[in-house]
Amino acid sequence: MSDQESAVSWAVVVNDEDQYSIWRDDREPPAGWRRTGTSGPREQCLDHIREVWTDLRPLSLRQRMER
């Protein structure tokens, strides 16, 4: 990773299906995505996602399966 890449701050974002990703902190997330409040270095954000996103099924699928 270059010095330039390591200087970039990232934000954890989530969509309506409870799917997580990272997005550059200095940019607005794309339509349908919102910030979770976690930001920082890339690896820190990815570690956070690994910790909180334990069920990779989309929310709509989880809800259908619960019925």
PDB file of N, CA and C in Angstrom:
ATOM      1  N   MET A   1       0.842  -1.167   0.000  1.00  0.00           N
ATOM      2  CA  MET A   1       0.000   0.000   0.000  1.00  0.00           C
ATOM      3  C   MET A   1       0.889   1.233   0.000  1.00  0.00           C
ATOM      4  N   SER A   2       0.572   2.163  -0.845  1.00  0.00           N
ATOM      5  CA  SER A   2       1.368   3.378  -0.934  1.00  0.00           C
ATOM      6  C   SER A   2       1.033   4.326   0.215  1.00  0.00           C
ATOM      7  N   ASP A   3       1.912   5.304   0.440  1.00  0.00           N
ATOM      8  CA  ASP A   3       1.671   6.299   1.485  1.00  0.00           C
ATOM      9  C   ASP A   3       0.380   7.060   1.217  1.00  0.00           C
ATOM     10  N   GLN A   4       0.115   7.308  -0.045  1.00  0.00           N
ATOM     11  CA  GLN A   4      -1.091   8.036  -0.421  1.00  0.00           C
ATOM     12  C   GLN A   4      -2.337   7.229  -0.064  1.00  0.00           C
ATOM     13  N   GLU A   5      -2.317   5.922  -0.338  1.00  0.00           N
ATOM     14  CA  GLU A   5      -3.458   5.073  -0.028  1.00  0.00           C
ATOM     15  C   GLU A   5      -3.664   4.946   1.475  1.00  0.00           C
ATOM     16  N   SER A   6      -2.582   4.859   2.233  1.00  0.00           N
ATOM     17  CA  SER A   6      -2.707   4.706   3.673  1.00  0.00           C
ATOM     18  C   SER A   6      -3.197   5.979   4.348  1.00  0.00           C
ATOM     19  N   ALA A   7      -3.084   7.112   3.683  1.00  0.00           N
ATOM     20  CA  ALA A   7      -3.551   8.376   4.244  1.00  0.00           C
ATOM     21  C   ALA A   7      -5.048   8.583   4.039  1.00  0.00           C
ATOM     22  N   VAL A   8      -5.675   7.775   3.211  1.00  0.00           N
ATOM     23  CA  VAL A   8      -7.104   7.907   2.930  1.00  0.00           C
ATOM     24  C   VAL A   8      -7.901   7.399   4.122  1.00  0.00           C
ATOM     25  N   SER A   9      -8.904   8.164   4.515  1.00  0.00           N
ATOM     26  CA  SER A   9      -9.817   7.737   5.571  1.00  0.00           C
ATOM     27  C   SER A   9     -11.056   7.132   4.926  1.00  0.00           C
ATOM     28  N   TRP A  10     -11.549   6.062   5.509  1.00  0.00           N
ATOM     29  CA  TRP A  10     -12.694   5.340   4.973  1.00  0.00           C
ATOM     30  C   TRP A  10     -13.853   5.400   5.953  1.00  0.00           C
ATOM     31  N   ALA A  11     -15.060   5.250   5.442  1.00  0.00           N
ATOM     32  CA  ALA A  11     -16.261   5.201   6.264  1.00  0.00           C
ATOM     33  C   ALA A  11     -16.963   3.876   6.010  1.00  0.00           C
ATOM     34  N   VAL A  12     -17.495   3.285   7.068  1.00  0.00           N
ATOM     35  CA  VAL A  12     -18.312   2.084   6.918  1.00  0.00           C
ATOM     36  C   VAL A  12     -19.714   2.545   6.538  1.00  0.00           C
ATOM     37  N   VAL A  13     -20.249   1.944   5.496  1.00  0.00           N
ATOM     38  CA  VAL A  13     -21.595   2.279   5.025  1.00  0.00           C
ATOM     39  C   VAL A  13     -22.445   1.013   4.988  1.00  0.00           C
ATOM     40  N   VAL A  14     -23.756   1.207   5.051  1.00  0.00           N
ATOM     41  CA  VAL A  14     -24.690   0.085   5.035  1.00  0.00           C
ATOM     42  C   VAL A  14     -25.890   0.478   4.165  1.00  0.00           C
ATOM     43  N   ASN A  15     -26.502  -0.508   3.531  1.00  0.00           N
ATOM     44  CA  ASN A  15     -27.681  -0.220   2.714  1.00  0.00           C
ATOM     45  C   ASN A  15     -28.938  -0.752   3.400  1.00  0.00           C
ATOM     46  N   ASP A  16     -30.074  -0.619   2.752  1.00  0.00           N
ATOM     47  CA  ASP A  16     -31.346  -1.038   3.339  1.00  0.00           C
ATOM     48  C   ASP A  16     -31.450  -2.542   3.528  1.00  0.00           C
ATOM     49  N   GLU A  17     -30.585  -3.305   2.890  1.00  0.00           N
ATOM     50  CA  GLU A  17     -30.575  -4.762   3.038  1.00  0.00           C
ATOM     51  C   GLU A  17     -29.584  -5.206   4.118  1.00  0.00           C
ATOM     52  N   ASP A  18     -29.074  -4.258   4.896  1.00  0.00           N
ATOM     53  CA  ASP A  18     -28.080  -4.527   5.938  1.00  0.00           C
ATOM     54  C   ASP A  18     -26.801  -5.136   5.386  1.00  0.00           C
ATOM     55  N   GLN A  19     -26.413  -4.712   4.204  1.00  0.00           N
ATOM     56  CA  GLN A  19     -25.155  -5.134   3.593  1.00  0.00           C
ATOM     57  C   GLN A  19     -24.146  -4.009   3.810  1.00  0.00           C
ATOM     58  N   TYR A  20     -22.944  -4.365   4.209  1.00  0.00           N
ATOM     59  CA  TYR A  20     -21.921  -3.394   4.577  1.00  0.00           C
ATOM     60  C   TYR A  20     -20.854  -3.258   3.498  1.00  0.00           C
ATOM     61  N   SER A  21     -20.243  -2.073   3.489  1.00  0.00           N
ATOM     62  CA  SER A  21     -19.128  -1.811   2.593  1.00  0.00           C
ATOM     63  C   SER A  21     -18.327  -0.651   3.177  1.00  0.00           C
ATOM     64  N   ILE A  22     -17.257  -0.283   2.507  1.00  0.00           N
ATOM     65  CA  ILE A  22     -16.521   0.920   2.884  1.00  0.00           C
ATOM     66  C   ILE A  22     -16.563   1.896   1.722  1.00  0.00           C
ATOM     67  N   TRP A  23     -16.467   3.168   2.062  1.00  0.00           N
ATOM     68  CA  TRP A  23     -16.526   4.235   1.083  1.00  0.00           C
ATOM     69  C   TRP A  23     -15.568   5.320   1.556  1.00  0.00           C
ATOM     70  N   ARG A  24     -14.934   5.979   0.628  1.00  0.00           N
ATOM     71  CA  ARG A  24     -14.013   7.058   1.031  1.00  0.00           C
ATOM     72  C   ARG A  24     -14.755   8.060   1.903  1.00  0.00           C
ATOM     73  N   ASP A  25     -14.145   8.419   3.017  1.00  0.00           N
ATOM     74  CA  ASP A  25     -14.786   9.285   3.999  1.00  0.00           C
ATOM     75  C   ASP A  25     -15.026  10.690   3.476  1.00  0.00           C
ATOM     76  N   ASP A  26     -14.233  11.117   2.504  1.00  0.00           N
ATOM     77  CA  ASP A  26     -14.377  12.473   1.972  1.00  0.00           C
ATOM     78  C   ASP A  26     -15.414  12.572   0.855  1.00  0.00           C
ATOM     79  N   ARG A  27     -16.143  11.493   0.612  1.00  0.00           N
ATOM     80  CA  ARG A  27     -17.173  11.476  -0.439  1.00  0.00           C
ATOM     81  C   ARG A  27     -18.507  11.049   0.155  1.00  0.00           C
ATOM     82  N   GLU A  28     -19.574  11.528  -0.461  1.00  0.00           N
ATOM     83  CA  GLU A  28     -20.904  11.107  -0.042  1.00  0.00           C
ATOM     84  C   GLU A  28     -21.139   9.673  -0.518  1.00  0.00           C
ATOM     85  N   PRO A  29     -21.754   8.850   0.313  1.00  0.00           N
ATOM     86  CA  PRO A  29     -22.043   7.474  -0.128  1.00  0.00           C
ATOM     87  C   PRO A  29     -23.008   7.493  -1.315  1.00  0.00           C
ATOM     88  N   PRO A  30     -22.984   6.440  -2.121  1.00  0.00           N
ATOM     89  CA  PRO A  30     -23.911   6.382  -3.249  1.00  0.00           C
ATOM     90  C   PRO A  30     -25.352   6.268  -2.765  1.00  0.00           C
ATOM     91  N   ALA A  31     -26.276   6.532  -3.662  1.00  0.00           N
ATOM     92  CA  ALA A  31     -27.704   6.437  -3.335  1.00  0.00           C
ATOM     93  C   ALA A  31     -28.011   5.052  -2.765  1.00  0.00           C
ATOM     94  N   GLY A  32     -28.789   5.040  -1.699  1.00  0.00           N
ATOM     95  CA  GLY A  32     -29.180   3.784  -1.075  1.00  0.00           C
ATOM     96  C   GLY A  32     -28.251   3.326   0.030  1.00  0.00           C
ATOM     97  N   TRP A  33     -27.172   4.042   0.252  1.00  0.00           N
ATOM     98  CA  TRP A  33     -26.197   3.694   1.296  1.00  0.00           C
ATOM     99  C   TRP A  33     -26.130   4.828   2.299  1.00  0.00           C
ATOM    100  N   ARG A  34     -25.873   4.494   3.569  1.00  0.00           N
ATOM    101  CA  ARG A  34     -25.741   5.510   4.612  1.00  0.00           C
ATOM    102  C   ARG A  34     -24.555   5.166   5.508  1.00  0.00           C
ATOM    103  N   ARG A  35     -23.988   6.170   6.114  1.00  0.00           N
ATOM    104  CA  ARG A  35     -22.853   5.976   7.020  1.00  0.00           C
ATOM    105  C   ARG A  35     -23.331   5.337   8.318  1.00  0.00           C
ATOM    106  N   THR A  36     -22.474   4.512   8.911  1.00  0.00           N
ATOM    107  CA  THR A  36     -22.803   3.879  10.182  1.00  0.00           C
ATOM    108  C   THR A  36     -22.225   4.632  11.365  1.00  0.00           C
ATOM    109  N   GLY A  37     -21.306   5.553  11.112  1.00  0.00           N
ATOM    110  CA  GLY A  37     -20.651   6.287  12.177  1.00  0.00           C
ATOM    111  C   GLY A  37     -19.235   5.807  12.455  1.00  0.00           C
ATOM    112  N   THR A  38     -18.826   4.747  11.792  1.00  0.00           N
ATOM    113  CA  THR A  38     -17.469   4.222  11.949  1.00  0.00           C
ATOM    114  C   THR A  38     -16.627   4.678  10.764  1.00  0.00           C
ATOM    115  N   SER A  39     -15.476   5.256  11.055  1.00  0.00           N
ATOM    116  CA  SER A  39     -14.569   5.664   9.980  1.00  0.00           C
ATOM    117  C   SER A  39     -13.148   5.592  10.488  1.00  0.00           C
ATOM    118  N   GLY A  40     -12.208   5.571   9.552  1.00  0.00           N
ATOM    119  CA  GLY A  40     -10.800   5.510   9.894  1.00  0.00           C
ATOM    120  C   GLY A  40     -10.009   4.814   8.816  1.00  0.00           C
ATOM    121  N   PRO A  41      -8.883   4.223   9.183  1.00  0.00           N
ATOM    122  CA  PRO A  41      -8.082   3.494   8.202  1.00  0.00           C
ATOM    123  C   PRO A  41      -8.870   2.311   7.605  1.00  0.00           C
ATOM    124  N   ARG A  42      -8.502   1.943   6.404  1.00  0.00           N
ATOM    125  CA  ARG A  42      -9.206   0.881   5.672  1.00  0.00           C
ATOM    126  C   ARG A  42      -9.310  -0.417   6.473  1.00  0.00           C
ATOM    127  N   GLU A  43      -8.208  -0.876   7.009  1.00  0.00           N
ATOM    128  CA  GLU A  43      -8.218  -2.154   7.737  1.00  0.00           C
ATOM    129  C   GLU A  43      -9.071  -2.088   8.995  1.00  0.00           C
ATOM    130  N   GLN A  44      -9.058  -0.956   9.654  1.00  0.00           N
ATOM    131  CA  GLN A  44      -9.903  -0.791  10.843  1.00  0.00           C
ATOM    132  C   GLN A  44     -11.377  -0.894  10.459  1.00  0.00           C
ATOM    133  N   CYS A  45     -11.759  -0.270   9.357  1.00  0.00           N
ATOM    134  CA  CYS A  45     -13.146  -0.332   8.886  1.00  0.00           C
ATOM    135  C   CYS A  45     -13.524  -1.758   8.489  1.00  0.00           C
ATOM    136  N   LEU A  46     -12.618  -2.440   7.792  1.00  0.00           N
ATOM    137  CA  LEU A  46     -12.905  -3.822   7.394  1.00  0.00           C
ATOM    138  C   LEU A  46     -12.993  -4.733   8.614  1.00  0.00           C
ATOM    139  N   ASP A  47     -12.171  -4.505   9.619  1.00  0.00           N
ATOM    140  CA  ASP A  47     -12.266  -5.278  10.857  1.00  0.00           C
ATOM    141  C   ASP A  47     -13.615  -5.065  11.525  1.00  0.00           C
ATOM    142  N   HIS A  48     -14.075  -3.830  11.538  1.00  0.00           N
ATOM    143  CA  HIS A  48     -15.380  -3.526  12.122  1.00  0.00           C
ATOM    144  C   HIS A  48     -16.489  -4.269  11.379  1.00  0.00           C
ATOM    145  N   ILE A  49     -16.424  -4.260  10.059  1.00  0.00           N
ATOM    146  CA  ILE A  49     -17.442  -4.960   9.267  1.00  0.00           C
ATOM    147  C   ILE A  49     -17.424  -6.446   9.580  1.00  0.00           C
ATOM    148  N   ARG A  50     -16.244  -7.048   9.659  1.00  0.00           N
ATOM    149  CA  ARG A  50     -16.156  -8.472   9.995  1.00  0.00           C
ATOM    150  C   ARG A  50     -16.776  -8.773  11.356  1.00  0.00           C
ATOM    151  N   GLU A  51     -16.672  -7.827  12.249  1.00  0.00           N
ATOM    152  CA  GLU A  51     -17.214  -8.007  13.598  1.00  0.00           C
ATOM    153  C   GLU A  51     -18.741  -7.896  13.645  1.00  0.00           C
ATOM    154  N   VAL A  52     -19.305  -6.946  12.898  1.00  0.00           N
ATOM    155  CA  VAL A  52     -20.748  -6.683  13.011  1.00  0.00           C
ATOM    156  C   VAL A  52     -21.595  -7.377  11.953  1.00  0.00           C
ATOM    157  N   TRP A  53     -21.022  -7.707  10.819  1.00  0.00           N
ATOM    158  CA  TRP A  53     -21.813  -8.298   9.728  1.00  0.00           C
ATOM    159  C   TRP A  53     -21.631  -9.806   9.769  1.00  0.00           C
ATOM    160  N   THR A  54     -22.356 -10.430  10.669  1.00  0.00           N
ATOM    161  CA  THR A  54     -22.179 -11.864  10.894  1.00  0.00           C
ATOM    162  C   THR A  54     -23.123 -12.722  10.067  1.00  0.00           C
ATOM    163  N   ASP A  55     -24.206 -12.148   9.598  1.00  0.00           N
ATOM    164  CA  ASP A  55     -25.159 -12.871   8.753  1.00  0.00           C
ATOM    165  C   ASP A  55     -25.185 -12.184   7.394  1.00  0.00           C
ATOM    166  N   LEU A  56     -24.590 -12.820   6.403  1.00  0.00           N
ATOM    167  CA  LEU A  56     -24.426 -12.171   5.099  1.00  0.00           C
ATOM    168  C   LEU A  56     -25.685 -12.194   4.239  1.00  0.00           C
ATOM    169  N   ARG A  57     -26.733 -12.851   4.709  1.00  0.00           N
ATOM    170  CA  ARG A  57     -27.974 -12.861   3.928  1.00  0.00           C
ATOM    171  C   ARG A  57     -28.590 -11.472   3.930  1.00  0.00           C
ATOM    172  N   PRO A  58     -29.157 -11.042   2.782  1.00  0.00           N
ATOM    173  CA  PRO A  58     -29.835  -9.747   2.748  1.00  0.00           C
ATOM    174  C   PRO A  58     -30.999  -9.728   3.749  1.00  0.00           C
ATOM    175  N   LEU A  59     -31.319  -8.569   4.261  1.00  0.00           N
ATOM    176  CA  LEU A  59     -32.387  -8.410   5.235  1.00  0.00           C
ATOM    177  C   LEU A  59     -33.708  -8.971   4.721  1.00  0.00           C
ATOM    178  N   SER A  60     -34.042  -8.704   3.460  1.00  0.00           N
ATOM    179  CA  SER A  60     -35.308  -9.190   2.921  1.00  0.00           C
ATOM    180  C   SER A  60     -35.380 -10.724   2.944  1.00  0.00           C
ATOM    181  N   LEU A  61     -34.297 -11.400   2.666  1.00  0.00           N
ATOM    182  CA  LEU A  61     -34.270 -12.855   2.724  1.00  0.00           C
ATOM    183  C   LEU A  61     -34.427 -13.339   4.156  1.00  0.00           C
ATOM    184  N   ARG A  62     -33.736 -12.727   5.090  1.00  0.00           N
ATOM    185  CA  ARG A  62     -33.867 -13.121   6.498  1.00  0.00           C
ATOM    186  C   ARG A  62     -35.295 -12.961   6.976  1.00  0.00           C
ATOM    187  N   GLN A  63     -35.945 -11.868   6.579  1.00  0.00           N
ATOM    188  CA  GLN A  63     -37.338 -11.630   6.982  1.00  0.00           C
ATOM    189  C   GLN A  63     -38.279 -12.666   6.374  1.00  0.00           C
ATOM    190  N   ARG A  64     -38.080 -13.016   5.110  1.00  0.00           N
ATOM    191  CA  ARG A  64     -38.924 -14.053   4.482  1.00  0.00           C
ATOM    192  C   ARG A  64     -38.755 -15.404   5.155  1.00  0.00           C
ATOM    193  N   MET A  65     -37.516 -15.718   5.538  1.00  0.00           N
ATOM    194  CA  MET A  65     -37.250 -17.006   6.149  1.00  0.00           C
ATOM    195  C   MET A  65     -37.838 -17.083   7.569  1.00  0.00           C
ATOM    196  N   GLU A  66     -38.012 -15.957   8.225  1.00  0.00           N
ATOM    197  CA  GLU A  66     -38.582 -15.930   9.560  1.00  0.00           C
ATOM    198  C   GLU A  66     -40.090 -16.132   9.559  1.00  0.00           C
ATOM    199  N   ARG A  67     -40.741 -15.897   8.443  1.00  0.00           N
ATOM    200  CA  ARG A  67     -42.215 -16.027   8.342  1.00  0.00           C
ATOM    201  C   ARG A  67     -42.627 -17.460   8.317  1.00  0.00           C
TER     202      ARG A  67
END
